Protein backbone atom coordinates (compact mmCIF):
# COMPACT_ATOMS: atom_id res chain seq x y z
CA MET A 1 -138.34 59.73 63.22
CA ARG A 2 -140.52 56.62 63.10
CA GLY A 3 -139.87 53.26 61.49
CA THR A 4 -136.38 52.15 60.66
CA PRO A 5 -133.66 54.34 62.15
CA VAL A 6 -131.42 56.86 60.46
CA VAL A 7 -127.97 55.29 60.77
CA LEU A 8 -124.86 57.43 61.11
CA GLY A 9 -121.76 55.71 59.73
CA ILE A 10 -118.23 56.63 60.80
CA GLU A 11 -115.14 55.62 58.81
CA SER A 12 -111.60 56.34 60.04
CA SER A 13 -109.52 53.31 59.10
CA CYS A 14 -106.83 55.16 57.14
CA ASP A 15 -106.50 58.75 55.90
CA GLU A 16 -110.14 59.63 55.23
CA THR A 17 -112.53 60.74 57.95
CA GLY A 18 -116.01 59.90 56.68
CA ALA A 19 -119.53 60.34 58.00
CA GLY A 20 -122.66 59.15 56.20
CA LEU A 21 -126.37 58.90 56.93
CA VAL A 22 -128.48 56.06 55.53
CA ARG A 23 -132.06 54.97 56.08
CA ASP A 24 -133.82 52.04 54.39
CA GLY A 25 -130.96 51.64 51.96
CA ARG A 26 -131.10 55.28 50.86
CA LEU A 27 -128.16 57.64 51.21
CA LEU A 28 -129.33 60.85 52.87
CA GLY A 29 -126.04 62.69 53.11
CA HIS A 30 -122.34 62.17 53.59
CA ALA A 31 -119.07 64.06 53.97
CA VAL A 32 -115.39 63.14 53.78
CA ALA A 33 -112.26 64.91 54.97
CA SER A 34 -108.95 63.58 53.68
CA SER A 35 -105.47 64.06 55.12
CA MET A 36 -103.91 62.74 51.90
CA ASP A 37 -102.08 65.98 51.15
CA GLU A 38 -100.30 65.75 54.51
CA HIS A 39 -99.02 62.27 53.65
CA ALA A 40 -98.06 62.95 50.02
CA ARG A 41 -94.57 64.26 50.80
CA PHE A 42 -93.81 61.02 52.63
CA GLY A 43 -95.00 58.85 49.73
CA GLY A 44 -97.52 57.00 51.90
CA VAL A 45 -99.76 57.26 54.93
CA VAL A 46 -98.09 58.17 58.24
CA PRO A 47 -100.25 56.63 61.02
CA GLU A 48 -99.64 59.37 63.61
CA ILE A 49 -100.53 62.12 61.15
CA ALA A 50 -103.67 60.24 60.12
CA ALA A 51 -104.83 59.78 63.72
CA ARG A 52 -104.37 63.48 64.56
CA ALA A 53 -106.22 64.47 61.40
CA HIS A 54 -109.17 62.28 62.41
CA VAL A 55 -109.35 64.02 65.79
CA HIS A 56 -109.62 67.43 64.10
CA ALA A 57 -112.00 66.32 61.33
CA PHE A 58 -114.44 64.10 63.24
CA THR A 59 -116.96 66.65 64.51
CA PRO A 60 -116.95 68.92 61.41
CA VAL A 61 -117.48 65.94 59.11
CA VAL A 62 -120.44 64.66 61.15
CA HIS A 63 -122.04 68.11 61.09
CA ARG A 64 -121.46 68.46 57.34
CA ALA A 65 -123.15 65.12 56.69
CA LEU A 66 -126.13 66.13 58.86
CA ALA A 67 -126.39 69.48 57.08
CA GLU A 68 -126.37 67.81 53.66
CA ALA A 69 -129.13 65.45 54.80
CA GLY A 70 -131.15 68.25 56.40
CA LEU A 71 -131.16 66.37 59.70
CA ARG A 72 -130.38 67.15 63.33
CA MET A 73 -128.29 65.13 65.73
CA SER A 74 -131.46 64.02 67.49
CA ASP A 75 -132.68 62.34 64.26
CA ILE A 76 -129.90 59.72 64.46
CA GLY A 77 -131.32 56.35 65.53
CA ALA A 78 -128.16 54.19 65.39
CA VAL A 79 -124.42 54.60 64.92
CA ALA A 80 -122.15 52.29 62.90
CA VAL A 81 -118.36 52.55 62.97
CA THR A 82 -115.41 50.80 61.36
CA THR A 83 -113.74 48.62 64.00
CA GLY A 84 -111.22 47.02 61.64
CA PRO A 85 -109.09 46.43 59.75
CA GLY A 86 -106.99 49.58 59.51
CA LEU A 87 -104.48 51.73 61.33
CA SER A 88 -104.79 51.23 65.07
CA GLY A 89 -104.67 54.88 66.12
CA ALA A 90 -107.00 55.96 63.33
CA LEU A 91 -109.55 53.27 64.22
CA GLN A 92 -109.40 54.26 67.89
CA VAL A 93 -110.32 57.85 67.09
CA GLY A 94 -113.37 56.83 65.07
CA LEU A 95 -114.54 54.30 67.64
CA ALA A 96 -114.16 56.74 70.52
CA GLY A 97 -116.18 59.36 68.67
CA ALA A 98 -118.86 56.85 67.66
CA LYS A 99 -119.17 55.51 71.20
CA SER A 100 -119.56 59.05 72.53
CA LEU A 101 -122.35 59.82 70.09
CA ALA A 102 -124.16 56.52 70.65
CA TYR A 103 -123.96 56.96 74.44
CA THR A 104 -125.09 60.60 74.34
CA LEU A 105 -127.99 59.88 71.97
CA ASP A 106 -128.84 56.58 73.73
CA VAL A 107 -128.92 54.65 70.44
CA PRO A 108 -127.45 51.27 69.36
CA LEU A 109 -123.85 51.05 68.19
CA TYR A 110 -122.69 48.60 65.50
CA GLY A 111 -119.09 47.66 64.79
CA VAL A 112 -118.50 47.14 61.08
CA HIS A 113 -115.82 45.42 59.02
CA HIS A 114 -114.27 47.97 56.68
CA LEU A 115 -114.26 45.68 53.63
CA ALA A 116 -117.90 44.72 54.12
CA GLY A 117 -118.57 48.43 54.00
CA HIS A 118 -117.03 48.59 50.55
CA VAL A 119 -119.36 45.80 49.45
CA ALA A 120 -122.36 47.64 50.86
CA ALA A 121 -121.38 50.87 49.08
CA ASP A 122 -122.80 49.45 45.86
CA THR A 123 -126.25 49.02 47.41
CA LEU A 124 -126.53 52.78 47.83
CA ALA A 125 -126.33 53.20 44.06
CA HIS A 126 -127.95 50.02 42.72
CA GLY A 127 -130.16 48.61 45.47
CA PRO A 128 -129.92 45.27 47.30
CA LEU A 129 -127.23 42.84 46.20
CA PRO A 130 -128.37 39.79 44.22
CA ASP A 131 -128.26 36.57 46.24
CA PRO A 132 -125.74 35.22 45.35
CA CYS A 133 -123.21 37.49 43.66
CA VAL A 134 -119.46 37.51 43.24
CA VAL A 135 -117.70 40.55 44.67
CA LEU A 136 -114.22 41.69 43.71
CA ILE A 137 -112.78 43.92 46.44
CA VAL A 138 -109.73 45.72 45.14
CA SER A 139 -108.05 48.49 47.10
CA GLY A 140 -104.75 49.76 48.45
CA GLY A 141 -104.44 47.03 51.03
CA HIS A 142 -106.80 44.30 49.91
CA THR A 143 -107.61 42.23 46.84
CA SER A 144 -110.23 39.49 47.32
CA LEU A 145 -112.84 37.55 45.42
CA LEU A 146 -115.92 36.78 47.53
CA LEU A 147 -119.12 34.82 47.15
CA VAL A 148 -121.78 36.93 48.86
CA ARG A 149 -125.32 35.97 49.83
CA ASP A 150 -127.11 37.86 52.62
CA LEU A 151 -124.54 40.49 53.54
CA ALA A 152 -126.05 41.24 56.95
CA ARG A 153 -126.56 37.62 58.07
CA ASP A 154 -124.36 35.18 56.17
CA PRO A 155 -120.59 34.68 56.23
CA LEU A 156 -118.67 36.05 53.28
CA VAL A 157 -117.07 33.15 51.42
CA HIS A 158 -113.53 33.80 50.22
CA LEU A 159 -112.88 32.36 46.78
CA GLY A 160 -109.44 33.90 46.58
CA ASP A 161 -107.23 36.58 48.12
CA THR A 162 -103.94 38.26 47.39
CA LEU A 163 -100.88 36.32 48.49
CA ASP A 164 -98.67 39.40 48.78
CA ASP A 165 -99.11 42.95 47.47
CA ALA A 166 -102.64 44.14 46.81
CA ALA A 167 -103.41 45.77 43.46
CA GLY A 168 -103.55 49.26 44.92
CA GLU A 169 -100.26 48.70 46.72
CA CYS A 170 -98.70 47.69 43.41
CA PHE A 171 -99.97 50.90 41.82
CA ASP A 172 -98.51 53.01 44.64
CA LYS A 173 -95.10 51.35 44.69
CA VAL A 174 -94.62 51.35 40.92
CA ALA A 175 -95.82 54.95 40.66
CA ARG A 176 -93.00 55.95 43.00
CA VAL A 177 -90.47 54.13 40.79
CA PHE A 178 -91.92 55.89 37.73
CA GLY A 179 -91.58 59.28 39.45
CA LEU A 180 -95.33 59.76 39.74
CA PRO A 181 -96.97 61.37 42.79
CA TYR A 182 -98.81 59.70 45.65
CA PRO A 183 -101.43 58.26 45.61
CA GLY A 184 -100.18 56.07 42.80
CA GLY A 185 -103.44 54.67 41.44
CA PRO A 186 -104.93 57.94 40.15
CA ALA A 187 -101.48 59.10 38.97
CA VAL A 188 -100.93 55.93 36.92
CA ASP A 189 -104.45 56.21 35.50
CA ARG A 190 -103.79 59.77 34.34
CA ALA A 191 -100.37 58.96 32.88
CA ALA A 192 -101.71 55.89 31.06
CA ARG A 193 -104.08 58.00 28.96
CA GLY A 194 -101.17 59.05 26.77
CA GLY A 195 -99.49 55.66 26.59
CA ASP A 196 -99.59 52.45 24.59
CA ALA A 197 -100.29 49.40 26.74
CA ARG A 198 -98.77 47.15 24.05
CA ALA A 199 -95.43 48.93 24.15
CA VAL A 200 -94.32 47.00 27.24
CA THR A 201 -95.02 43.36 28.09
CA PHE A 202 -95.56 42.90 31.80
CA PRO A 203 -96.38 39.49 33.37
CA ARG A 204 -99.87 38.35 34.39
CA PRO A 205 -99.18 36.68 37.76
CA LEU A 206 -100.96 33.44 38.73
CA THR A 207 -102.76 33.00 35.43
CA GLY A 208 -101.17 29.70 34.43
CA PRO A 209 -103.15 26.47 34.09
CA ARG A 210 -101.74 25.06 37.35
CA ASP A 211 -102.12 28.24 39.40
CA ASP A 212 -104.89 28.87 41.92
CA PRO A 213 -107.64 30.25 39.67
CA TYR A 214 -108.80 32.90 42.16
CA ALA A 215 -105.65 33.87 44.09
CA PHE A 216 -103.81 37.10 43.32
CA SER A 217 -100.16 38.11 43.45
CA PHE A 218 -98.84 41.51 42.41
CA SER A 219 -95.38 41.49 43.96
CA GLY A 220 -93.79 39.98 40.84
CA LEU A 221 -95.53 42.51 38.61
CA LYS A 222 -94.24 45.32 40.83
CA THR A 223 -90.70 43.93 40.51
CA ALA A 224 -91.00 43.54 36.73
CA ALA A 225 -92.08 47.17 36.39
CA ALA A 226 -89.19 48.32 38.58
CA ARG A 227 -86.69 46.32 36.50
CA TRP A 228 -88.13 47.79 33.32
CA ALA A 229 -87.63 51.30 34.72
CA GLU A 230 -84.04 50.43 35.73
CA ARG A 231 -83.23 49.42 32.16
CA HIS A 232 -83.99 52.99 31.10
CA ARG A 233 -81.56 54.52 33.58
CA GLY A 234 -79.83 57.48 31.98
CA GLU A 235 -82.64 57.81 29.42
CA VAL A 236 -86.00 59.53 29.43
CA LEU A 237 -88.38 56.97 30.90
CA PRO A 238 -91.46 56.42 28.69
CA VAL A 239 -93.74 56.77 31.71
CA ALA A 240 -96.98 56.87 29.76
CA ASP A 241 -96.28 53.52 28.09
CA GLY A 242 -95.16 51.96 31.37
CA ALA A 243 -98.23 53.24 33.18
CA ALA A 244 -100.56 51.99 30.45
CA ALA A 245 -98.92 48.55 30.41
CA LEU A 246 -98.99 48.26 34.21
CA GLN A 247 -102.63 49.27 34.34
CA GLU A 248 -103.51 46.81 31.60
CA ALA A 249 -101.76 43.94 33.39
CA ILE A 250 -103.56 44.63 36.67
CA ALA A 251 -106.94 45.10 35.01
CA ASP A 252 -106.44 41.95 32.94
CA VAL A 253 -105.70 39.73 35.96
CA LEU A 254 -108.47 41.20 38.12
CA THR A 255 -111.24 40.96 35.55
CA ARG A 256 -110.13 37.62 34.11
CA LYS A 257 -110.29 35.91 37.50
CA ALA A 258 -113.50 37.67 38.57
CA VAL A 259 -115.40 36.66 35.43
CA ALA A 260 -114.06 33.11 35.70
CA ALA A 261 -115.34 32.92 39.30
CA CYS A 262 -118.81 34.02 38.23
CA THR A 263 -118.92 31.43 35.46
CA ALA A 264 -117.59 28.60 37.64
CA HIS A 265 -120.10 29.27 40.44
CA GLY A 266 -123.10 29.91 38.21
CA VAL A 267 -123.44 33.51 39.40
CA GLY A 268 -124.93 36.12 37.10
CA THR A 269 -123.68 39.33 38.73
CA LEU A 270 -120.19 40.67 39.37
CA VAL A 271 -119.77 43.56 41.80
CA VAL A 272 -116.47 45.46 41.77
CA VAL A 273 -115.75 47.68 44.79
CA GLY A 274 -112.89 49.45 46.55
CA GLY A 275 -110.56 52.28 45.63
CA VAL A 276 -109.10 50.54 42.56
CA ALA A 277 -112.65 50.13 41.22
CA ALA A 278 -112.30 53.80 40.33
CA ASN A 279 -109.55 52.95 37.82
CA SER A 280 -110.76 53.67 34.30
CA ARG A 281 -109.22 50.58 32.68
CA VAL A 282 -110.46 48.22 35.40
CA ARG A 283 -113.99 49.55 34.92
CA ALA A 284 -113.82 49.42 31.11
CA LEU A 285 -112.35 45.92 30.90
CA ALA A 286 -114.78 44.58 33.50
CA GLU A 287 -117.67 45.97 31.47
CA GLU A 288 -116.29 44.47 28.26
CA ARG A 289 -115.69 41.01 29.71
CA CYS A 290 -118.96 40.86 31.64
CA ALA A 291 -120.87 41.76 28.51
CA ALA A 292 -119.08 39.01 26.57
CA ALA A 293 -119.85 36.47 29.32
CA GLY A 294 -123.49 37.52 29.70
CA LEU A 295 -122.95 38.83 33.24
CA ALA A 296 -124.43 41.86 34.93
CA LEU A 297 -121.76 44.26 36.24
CA ARG A 298 -122.25 46.57 39.20
CA VAL A 299 -119.65 49.19 40.16
CA PRO A 300 -120.36 52.02 42.63
CA PRO A 301 -120.02 55.63 41.49
CA LEU A 302 -116.54 57.06 41.93
CA LYS A 303 -117.40 58.96 45.12
CA LEU A 304 -118.34 55.68 46.83
CA CYS A 305 -115.33 53.64 45.67
CA THR A 306 -112.81 55.20 48.04
CA ASP A 307 -113.19 55.14 51.84
CA ASN A 308 -116.28 56.97 53.08
CA GLY A 309 -118.77 56.98 55.93
CA ALA A 310 -121.74 56.26 53.67
CA MET A 311 -120.60 52.67 53.11
CA ILE A 312 -120.32 52.12 56.88
CA ALA A 313 -123.78 53.59 57.38
CA ALA A 314 -125.07 51.24 54.66
CA ILE A 315 -123.82 48.20 56.60
CA GLY A 316 -125.23 49.60 59.83
CA ASP A 317 -128.57 50.09 58.12
CA LEU A 318 -128.58 46.48 56.89
CA LEU A 319 -127.64 45.19 60.35
CA ALA A 320 -130.31 47.28 62.06
CA ARG A 321 -133.02 46.16 59.64
CA SER A 322 -131.97 42.51 60.00
CA GLY A 323 -132.37 42.63 63.77
CA ALA A 324 -128.66 42.07 64.42
CA GLU A 325 -127.40 42.50 67.97
CA PRO A 326 -125.67 45.85 68.56
CA ALA A 327 -122.08 45.94 69.73
CA PRO A 328 -121.37 45.40 73.45
CA LEU A 329 -120.17 48.31 75.56
CA ASP A 330 -116.62 46.96 75.59
CA VAL A 331 -116.34 46.72 71.80
CA SER A 332 -112.79 47.46 70.68
CA ILE A 333 -110.85 47.52 67.42
CA ASP A 334 -109.11 44.78 65.46
CA PRO A 335 -106.57 46.38 63.09
CA SER A 336 -105.95 43.08 61.25
CA ALA A 337 -109.45 41.59 61.36
CA PRO A 338 -110.14 38.92 58.74
CA LEU A 339 -113.27 39.38 56.68
CA GLU A 340 -115.80 36.81 57.86
CA TYR A 341 -118.99 38.75 58.62
CA ALA A 342 -120.17 42.31 58.04
CA ALA A 343 -120.51 42.95 61.78
CA LEU A 344 -117.23 43.17 63.69
CA HIS A 345 -117.51 43.41 67.46
CA PRO A 346 -114.11 42.51 68.95
CA ALA A 347 -114.00 42.72 72.74
CA ALA A 348 -111.44 44.86 74.50
CA ARG A 349 -108.57 42.83 75.92
CA PRO A 350 -107.98 42.99 79.68
CA LEU A 351 -105.26 45.42 80.75
CA ALA A 352 -103.00 42.57 81.87
CA ALA A 353 -103.14 41.02 78.37
CA ARG A 354 -102.31 44.36 76.73
CA THR A 355 -99.27 45.00 78.93
CA ALA A 356 -97.90 41.45 79.08
């Protein structure tokens, strides 16, 4: 193919094995295999199970994405892969597979920060991001407010981050206390449909006048929900009301701070991404508050909120079109990489450093 390359994106940071194909900002095809059912009985992701599942799913997922796009392996012009953050073994599987494909096809390889991929997911549905925009990343392991300009070239400016539990982590942990299945976010969302959010008063952490206006904390909310459930010991727990109140508290804090950040920085667009962006109340309250504040709201479609290879391909496509340097041959993983730039090319540590 001529012109800009078809970019294959590989995502394997947790329990989803994703492959996506993007060219010129357009999603051509993608496929996802999840090992979530294998983790459900443990109430959370087991790293060893996730890594083995990636090994089995990698090749079939790539072929499914190619088939959906109507492309052949030889049409791939670049490969992008998540190099962090995430589970070490899971990341290693994805990187090894991506390196093999890039080497075999003799095409550039780009290491990508997982969270930047979530930001880029919105471009596949709504086009290029406004410069600037405020992005709320909210997922199982991360909750951050960012000021974003040129995603491929500029640093991502952190306005605020979670100080303890992320919003998705709060959903998962409280769902377990409520007797709801894993993953907790979708289970709480379903249960909340039959509940009254006003029936229980849960705290709104870090929303006082002296608190950091853009920092998040959900550990106290998690504890408050657990204590509420304990007070109903020996009784039938009104799960629907508890779920609705929990969801309302999380959505309230997230959207209140995100809209405030847009207003304070003179930004006209809020972008909400990540797995918790699929939550119905988060989406509805963000829409309501953005409309009241005169802000444009962008949220990816549900299939692009959770982890997927399309979002990694989208970042790879942006990097390739911006003329960014590909990853070096010794690119490694960084399971705890901070979000600074979209490209993430950590070098492999010498053997002596790894065994010291």
